[in-house]
Amino acid sequence: MPATISVPQCLVCDTDFEIQDDWERGEITACGACGQEHEVVEKSDATVRVALAPEVEEDWGE
């Protein structure tokens, strides 16, 4: 019997994310319903957790 993966929900509108096989920890993904960006903070065979993505700071990349 295949394991059930805990599907993360948008932290703004509670819509379920469609889990992508190629997601990696630290990746940014947007909610398909409201567009809010989330960061993948944990990904294992049974769990995917997301958090609100950090806002881009003015000095990033300098």
Protein backbone atom coordinates (compact mmCIF):
# COMPACT_ATOMS: atom_id res chain seq x y z
CA MET A 1 0.00 0.00 0.00
CA PRO A 2 1.52 3.39 -0.99
CA ALA A 3 2.31 5.87 1.76
CA THR A 4 0.06 8.90 2.08
CA ILE A 5 1.87 12.21 1.78
CA SER A 6 0.73 15.08 3.98
CA VAL A 7 -0.33 17.77 1.49
CA PRO A 8 0.60 21.31 2.52
CA GLN A 9 -1.95 24.10 2.35
CA CYS A 10 -1.50 27.75 1.44
CA LEU A 11 -0.97 29.74 4.63
CA VAL A 12 -3.12 32.57 3.23
CA CYS A 13 -6.13 30.93 1.53
CA ASP A 14 -5.94 27.27 2.77
CA THR A 15 -5.87 25.82 -0.76
CA ASP A 16 -4.05 22.47 -1.08
CA PHE A 17 -0.80 22.59 -3.03
CA GLU A 18 -0.15 20.17 -5.88
CA ILE A 19 3.06 18.48 -4.74
CA GLN A 20 5.76 18.38 -7.40
CA ASP A 21 8.24 15.47 -7.43
CA ASP A 22 11.13 17.81 -8.17
CA TRP A 23 10.53 20.17 -5.24
CA GLU A 24 13.59 20.63 -3.05
CA ARG A 25 14.06 22.18 0.36
CA GLY A 26 14.47 25.96 -0.02
CA GLU A 27 12.55 26.12 -3.29
CA ILE A 28 9.96 28.88 -3.74
CA THR A 29 6.53 27.92 -5.08
CA ALA A 30 3.39 30.00 -5.55
CA CYS A 31 -0.15 29.10 -4.54
CA GLY A 32 -2.23 28.35 -7.64
CA ALA A 33 -5.28 30.06 -6.14
CA CYS A 34 -4.00 33.31 -4.61
CA GLY A 35 -0.41 33.57 -5.88
CA GLN A 36 1.21 33.85 -2.44
CA GLU A 37 4.78 32.58 -2.56
CA HIS A 38 5.83 29.84 -0.13
CA GLU A 39 9.18 28.24 0.62
CA VAL A 40 9.51 24.46 0.90
CA VAL A 41 10.99 24.02 4.39
CA GLU A 42 10.77 20.22 4.64
CA LYS A 43 10.35 17.45 2.09
CA SER A 44 10.48 13.76 2.85
CA ASP A 45 8.69 10.66 1.57
CA ALA A 46 5.74 11.35 3.87
CA THR A 47 5.78 15.10 4.54
CA VAL A 48 6.02 18.36 2.66
CA ARG A 49 5.93 21.53 4.77
CA VAL A 50 5.88 25.11 3.50
CA ALA A 51 6.29 28.53 5.09
CA LEU A 52 5.62 31.99 3.73
CA ALA A 53 8.48 32.95 1.44
CA PRO A 54 10.69 35.76 2.70
CA GLU A 55 10.26 39.12 1.02
CA VAL A 56 13.07 40.11 -1.30
CA GLU A 57 15.30 42.54 0.53
CA GLU A 58 16.83 45.55 -1.19
CA ASP A 59 20.42 44.35 -0.66
CA TRP A 60 19.95 40.74 -1.87
CA GLY A 61 22.56 39.80 -4.42
CA GLU A 62 24.92 42.66 -3.64
